[in-house]
C-alpha atoms as a PDB file:
ATOM      1  CA  UNK A   1      -0.195 -19.060  15.486  1.00  0.00           C
ATOM      2  CA  UNK A   2       0.178 -17.284  12.140  1.00  0.00           C
ATOM      3  CA  UNK A   3      -2.782 -14.987  12.762  1.00  0.00           C
ATOM      4  CA  UNK A   4      -1.672 -14.142  16.325  1.00  0.00           C
ATOM      5  CA  UNK A   5       1.916 -13.111  15.737  1.00  0.00           C
ATOM      6  CA  UNK A   6       3.276 -14.892  12.716  1.00  0.00           C
ATOM      7  CA  UNK A   7       1.995 -12.421  10.166  1.00  0.00           C
ATOM      8  CA  UNK A   8       3.314  -9.446  12.110  1.00  0.00           C
ATOM      9  CA  UNK A   9       6.747 -11.086  12.466  1.00  0.00           C
ATOM     10  CA  UNK A  10       6.778 -11.980   8.772  1.00  0.00           C
ATOM     11  CA  UNK A  11       5.800  -8.413   7.790  1.00  0.00           C
ATOM     12  CA  UNK A  12       8.523  -6.903   9.988  1.00  0.00           C
ATOM     13  CA  UNK A  13      11.151  -9.304   8.670  1.00  0.00           C
ATOM     14  CA  UNK A  14      10.191  -8.616   5.059  1.00  0.00           C
ATOM     15  CA  UNK A  15      10.138  -4.831   5.617  1.00  0.00           C
ATOM     16  CA  UNK A  16      13.570  -4.908   7.296  1.00  0.00           C
ATOM     17  CA  UNK A  17      14.988  -6.991   4.459  1.00  0.00           C
ATOM     18  CA  UNK A  18      13.531  -4.630   1.832  1.00  0.00           C
ATOM     19  CA  UNK A  19      14.967  -1.641   3.688  1.00  0.00           C
ATOM     20  CA  UNK A  20      18.459  -3.144   3.721  1.00  0.00           C
ATOM     21  CA  UNK A  21      18.279  -4.068   0.025  1.00  0.00           C
ATOM     22  CA  UNK A  22      16.911  -0.661  -1.016  1.00  0.00           C
ATOM     23  CA  UNK A  23      19.234   1.416   1.191  1.00  0.00           C
ATOM     24  CA  UNK A  24      21.616   2.346  -1.690  1.00  0.00           C
ATOM     25  CA  UNK A  25      18.691   3.508  -3.853  1.00  0.00           C
ATOM     26  CA  UNK A  26      17.232   5.506  -0.954  1.00  0.00           C
ATOM     27  CA  UNK A  27      20.648   7.098  -0.384  1.00  0.00           C
ATOM     28  CA  UNK A  28      20.994   8.125  -4.037  1.00  0.00           C
ATOM     29  CA  UNK A  29      17.486   9.588  -4.115  1.00  0.00           C
ATOM     30  CA  UNK A  30      18.206  11.497  -0.885  1.00  0.00           C
ATOM     31  CA  UNK A  31      21.343  13.051  -2.350  1.00  0.00           C
ATOM     32  CA  UNK A  32      19.558  13.994  -5.583  1.00  0.00           C
ATOM     33  CA  UNK A  33      16.662  15.619  -3.735  1.00  0.00           C
ATOM     34  CA  UNK A  34      19.074  17.515  -1.477  1.00  0.00           C
ATOM     35  CA  UNK A  35      21.095  18.814  -4.445  1.00  0.00           C
ATOM     36  CA  UNK A  36      18.118  19.678  -6.677  1.00  0.00           C
ATOM     37  CA  UNK A  37      15.522  20.848  -4.144  1.00  0.00           C
ATOM     38  CA  UNK A  38      17.463  21.594  -0.976  1.00  0.00           C
ATOM     39  CA  UNK A  39      16.477  20.777   2.547  1.00  0.00           C
ATOM     40  CA  UNK A  40      14.443  19.105   3.979  1.00  0.00           C
ATOM     41  CA  UNK A  41      14.718  15.927   1.946  1.00  0.00           C
ATOM     42  CA  UNK A  42      11.707  14.234   3.518  1.00  0.00           C
ATOM     43  CA  UNK A  43       8.172  15.593   3.627  1.00  0.00           C
ATOM     44  CA  UNK A  44       5.905  14.626   6.526  1.00  0.00           C
ATOM     45  CA  UNK A  45       2.191  14.382   5.875  1.00  0.00           C
ATOM     46  CA  UNK A  46      -0.713  13.574   8.194  1.00  0.00           C
ATOM     47  CA  UNK A  47      -3.277  11.197   6.695  1.00  0.00           C
ATOM     48  CA  UNK A  48      -6.417   9.587   8.036  1.00  0.00           C
ATOM     49  CA  UNK A  49      -5.904   5.941   8.932  1.00  0.00           C
ATOM     50  CA  UNK A  50      -7.949   3.095  10.275  1.00  0.00           C
ATOM     51  CA  UNK A  51     -11.124   4.367  11.974  1.00  0.00           C
ATOM     52  CA  UNK A  52     -10.099   7.942  11.096  1.00  0.00           C
ATOM     53  CA  UNK A  53      -7.077   7.865  13.396  1.00  0.00           C
ATOM     54  CA  UNK A  54      -4.372  10.053  11.818  1.00  0.00           C
ATOM     55  CA  UNK A  55      -0.919   8.714  11.069  1.00  0.00           C
ATOM     56  CA  UNK A  56       2.225  10.297   9.635  1.00  0.00           C
ATOM     57  CA  UNK A  57       3.653   9.298   6.277  1.00  0.00           C
ATOM     58  CA  UNK A  58       7.107  10.360   5.150  1.00  0.00           C
ATOM     59  CA  UNK A  59       7.817  10.965   1.486  1.00  0.00           C
ATOM     60  CA  UNK A  60      10.656  12.368  -0.558  1.00  0.00           C
ATOM     61  CA  UNK A  61      10.132  15.998  -1.389  1.00  0.00           C
ATOM     62  CA  UNK A  62       9.034  16.634  -4.996  1.00  0.00           C
ATOM     63  CA  UNK A  63       8.103  20.328  -4.986  1.00  0.00           C
ATOM     64  CA  UNK A  64       9.804  23.672  -4.535  1.00  0.00           C
ATOM     65  CA  UNK A  65       8.529  26.172  -1.960  1.00  0.00           C
ATOM     66  CA  UNK A  66       8.201  28.912  -4.602  1.00  0.00           C
ATOM     67  CA  UNK A  67       5.996  31.848  -3.581  1.00  0.00           C
ATOM     68  CA  UNK A  68       4.526  34.874  -5.334  1.00  0.00           C
ATOM     69  CA  UNK A  69       5.156  38.528  -4.394  1.00  0.00           C
ATOM     70  CA  UNK A  70       2.480  38.363  -1.661  1.00  0.00           C
ATOM     71  CA  UNK A  71       4.076  35.300  -0.060  1.00  0.00           C
ATOM     72  CA  UNK A  72       1.451  32.800  -1.243  1.00  0.00           C
ATOM     73  CA  UNK A  73       2.570  29.441  -2.554  1.00  0.00           C
ATOM     74  CA  UNK A  74       2.481  29.173  -6.335  1.00  0.00           C
ATOM     75  CA  UNK A  75       0.136  26.600  -7.906  1.00  0.00           C
ATOM     76  CA  UNK A  76       1.348  22.998  -7.798  1.00  0.00           C
ATOM     77  CA  UNK A  77       2.149  22.894 -11.510  1.00  0.00           C
ATOM     78  CA  UNK A  78       4.570  25.823 -11.072  1.00  0.00           C
ATOM     79  CA  UNK A  79       6.342  24.245  -8.098  1.00  0.00           C
ATOM     80  CA  UNK A  80       6.952  20.720  -9.420  1.00  0.00           C
ATOM     81  CA  UNK A  81      10.542  19.598  -9.491  1.00  0.00           C
ATOM     82  CA  UNK A  82      12.301  18.104 -12.507  1.00  0.00           C
ATOM     83  CA  UNK A  83      11.766  14.674 -10.889  1.00  0.00           C
ATOM     84  CA  UNK A  84       8.001  14.848 -11.481  1.00  0.00           C
ATOM     85  CA  UNK A  85       6.211  14.482 -14.814  1.00  0.00           C
ATOM     86  CA  UNK A  86       3.287  16.892 -14.462  1.00  0.00           C
ATOM     87  CA  UNK A  87       1.441  15.257 -17.371  1.00  0.00           C
ATOM     88  CA  UNK A  88       1.223  12.078 -15.298  1.00  0.00           C
ATOM     89  CA  UNK A  89      -0.553  13.800 -12.392  1.00  0.00           C
ATOM     90  CA  UNK A  90      -3.866  12.115 -11.578  1.00  0.00           C
ATOM     91  CA  UNK A  91      -7.044  14.044 -12.388  1.00  0.00           C
ATOM     92  CA  UNK A  92      -8.078  14.263  -8.719  1.00  0.00           C
ATOM     93  CA  UNK A  93      -5.144  16.633  -8.035  1.00  0.00           C
ATOM     94  CA  UNK A  94      -7.116  19.319  -9.878  1.00  0.00           C
ATOM     95  CA  UNK A  95     -10.098  19.178  -7.517  1.00  0.00           C
ATOM     96  CA  UNK A  96     -10.552  22.106  -5.069  1.00  0.00           C
ATOM     97  CA  UNK A  97     -10.368  19.919  -1.964  1.00  0.00           C
ATOM     98  CA  UNK A  98      -6.966  18.496  -2.939  1.00  0.00           C
ATOM     99  CA  UNK A  99      -4.436  19.700  -0.439  1.00  0.00           C
ATOM    100  CA  UNK A 100      -6.587  19.140   2.629  1.00  0.00           C
ATOM    101  CA  UNK A 101      -4.050  16.618   3.877  1.00  0.00           C
ATOM    102  CA  UNK A 102      -1.063  17.895   1.895  1.00  0.00           C
ATOM    103  CA  UNK A 103       0.012  20.602   4.310  1.00  0.00           C
ATOM    104  CA  UNK A 104       3.420  19.937   5.852  1.00  0.00           C
ATOM    105  CA  UNK A 105       3.345  19.720   9.621  1.00  0.00           C
END
């Protein structure tokens, strides 16, 4: 029974409970992002999932859309918001292929 539907029901119940408990924190973060970075508050990103099937993940925005004189986006380190500690960025963010899945859709 647990493997058929019990785990799914438990996961949904736990996720709903966590959402209700964290709603005030999510609201505060949303307001801060809106005030500091503007709109949109959420960033949608396509990622590869199980068996390569893409899925959408929604995250709070952490970067500005700053561009140079030619209209190109500035490097990530120049667009980070005050919410992000750039010294804590993982090393893989410096690799040339980073950003393959980071384009907003």
